[in-house]
Amino acid sequence: MTDGFMGPPWQMDWRFDARAAFEALPGHVREIVQAARVELVTAKDPYFRGIETDACLPDGTQVMPVRSGDPKGPHLLLFDDEHGWLKYTFVPRIADPQIIVEELFWQ
C-alpha cells in the first residue's frame, strides 16, 4: 500500500447493466467508448474541470457534469457526436480511488 492519495491510472468499475449495454454496442461504437475510457482512467482529474481540459478526448467526445450545480457529482461522457453517453462518478478514496460507470446509452 502506498502513502497518501493514489493517482492515475484509475480503476474503473461497471454496473452490470452498464457493462451489458457496452457489450451490446456495435464494434465501431465500442472502439469509441474504449478510446474515451482510456482518457478517463489516465486523466489527472476524471472530471476534466476547467477550460479546454477535455481537449485530449477523442473527437466527438466531451465531459460535463450531470448538474452544473454539482461539479463533484455524476458526470456524462458524451461520445459519437452526442449519440451516446456514459454516466459515471469518481470516488476519490485514498485507499482505492475509482471511476464507477453507472449507465451507458447509445442511439
Protein backbone atom coordinates (compact mmCIF):
# COMPACT_ATOMS: atom_id res chain seq x y z
CA MET A 1 0.00 0.00 0.00
CA THR A 2 1.25 3.47 -0.82
CA ASP A 3 1.21 6.51 1.43
CA GLY A 4 -1.21 9.29 0.53
CA PHE A 5 -3.61 9.71 -2.36
CA MET A 6 -3.12 7.43 -5.35
CA GLY A 7 -3.12 8.91 -8.83
CA PRO A 8 -3.91 7.67 -12.32
CA PRO A 9 -4.41 5.24 -13.85
CA TRP A 10 -7.71 4.94 -12.01
CA GLN A 11 -9.63 1.72 -11.57
CA MET A 12 -12.91 1.57 -13.48
CA ASP A 13 -15.85 -0.48 -12.24
CA TRP A 14 -19.05 -1.00 -14.26
CA ARG A 15 -22.56 -1.70 -13.04
CA PHE A 16 -23.76 -4.96 -14.57
CA ASP A 17 -26.42 -3.27 -16.71
CA ALA A 18 -23.92 -0.68 -17.99
CA ARG A 19 -21.43 -3.46 -18.88
CA ALA A 20 -24.20 -5.38 -20.69
CA ALA A 21 -25.12 -2.24 -22.64
CA PHE A 22 -21.45 -1.77 -23.59
CA GLU A 23 -21.12 -5.35 -24.80
CA ALA A 24 -24.29 -4.97 -26.91
CA LEU A 25 -22.89 -1.97 -28.83
CA PRO A 26 -21.69 -2.34 -32.43
CA GLY A 27 -17.92 -2.82 -32.73
CA HIS A 28 -17.13 0.66 -34.03
CA VAL A 29 -19.03 2.27 -31.13
CA ARG A 30 -17.26 0.03 -28.58
CA GLU A 31 -13.95 1.32 -30.00
CA ILE A 32 -15.08 4.93 -29.45
CA VAL A 33 -16.08 4.14 -25.85
CA GLN A 34 -12.77 2.32 -25.23
CA ALA A 35 -10.76 5.30 -26.54
CA ALA A 36 -12.70 7.66 -24.26
CA ARG A 37 -12.29 5.20 -21.37
CA VAL A 38 -8.51 5.27 -21.78
CA GLU A 39 -8.54 9.05 -21.48
CA LEU A 40 -10.76 8.90 -18.39
CA VAL A 41 -8.67 6.40 -16.44
CA THR A 42 -5.39 8.18 -17.24
CA ALA A 43 -6.59 11.77 -16.64
CA LYS A 44 -5.24 13.61 -13.62
CA ASP A 45 -8.81 14.69 -12.87
CA PRO A 46 -11.51 12.38 -14.33
CA TYR A 47 -13.99 15.25 -14.21
CA PHE A 48 -11.86 17.36 -16.63
CA ARG A 49 -12.52 20.60 -14.75
CA GLY A 50 -11.54 23.88 -16.37
CA ILE A 51 -11.40 25.40 -19.81
CA GLU A 52 -10.22 23.16 -22.66
CA THR A 53 -9.13 20.42 -20.27
CA ASP A 54 -11.02 17.77 -22.21
CA ALA A 55 -9.08 18.59 -25.40
CA CYS A 56 -7.26 15.25 -25.12
CA LEU A 57 -10.52 13.33 -25.53
CA PRO A 58 -11.27 11.68 -28.91
CA ASP A 59 -13.09 13.82 -31.49
CA GLY A 60 -16.84 13.98 -30.89
CA THR A 61 -16.35 13.32 -27.16
CA GLN A 62 -16.77 15.65 -24.20
CA VAL A 63 -17.24 15.51 -20.43
CA MET A 64 -19.76 17.55 -18.45
CA PRO A 65 -21.45 17.38 -15.05
CA VAL A 66 -24.98 15.97 -14.98
CA ARG A 67 -25.99 19.05 -12.96
CA SER A 68 -23.95 22.24 -13.25
CA GLY A 69 -24.63 23.00 -9.59
CA ASP A 70 -22.89 19.75 -8.54
CA PRO A 71 -19.41 19.81 -10.13
CA LYS A 72 -18.18 16.92 -7.94
CA GLY A 73 -21.23 14.75 -8.62
CA PRO A 74 -22.04 12.40 -11.50
CA HIS A 75 -20.68 13.31 -14.93
CA LEU A 76 -21.55 12.44 -18.51
CA LEU A 77 -19.02 11.44 -21.09
CA LEU A 78 -20.76 12.25 -24.37
CA PHE A 79 -19.43 10.26 -27.34
CA ASP A 80 -20.11 9.64 -31.02
CA ASP A 81 -21.05 13.31 -31.53
CA GLU A 82 -23.60 13.13 -28.70
CA HIS A 83 -25.33 9.98 -30.00
CA GLY A 84 -24.40 8.26 -26.76
CA TRP A 85 -23.34 8.88 -23.20
CA LEU A 86 -21.62 7.17 -20.34
CA LYS A 87 -22.72 8.36 -16.89
CA TYR A 88 -20.05 7.94 -14.22
CA THR A 89 -18.93 9.07 -10.80
CA PHE A 90 -15.42 9.35 -9.42
CA VAL A 91 -14.87 8.12 -5.87
CA PRO A 92 -11.58 9.72 -4.70
CA ARG A 93 -10.88 7.40 -1.76
CA ILE A 94 -7.29 7.34 -0.52
CA ALA A 95 -7.01 3.54 -0.46
CA ASP A 96 -8.87 2.70 -3.67
CA PRO A 97 -9.97 5.63 -5.86
CA GLN A 98 -12.07 4.55 -8.81
CA ILE A 99 -14.44 5.56 -11.57
CA ILE A 100 -17.85 3.88 -11.43
CA VAL A 101 -19.81 3.63 -14.67
CA GLU A 102 -23.48 3.82 -13.75
CA GLU A 103 -25.17 3.95 -17.16
CA LEU A 104 -24.35 3.64 -20.85
CA PHE A 105 -26.66 4.68 -23.67
CA TRP A 106 -26.24 4.88 -27.43
CA GLN A 107 -28.81 5.54 -30.17
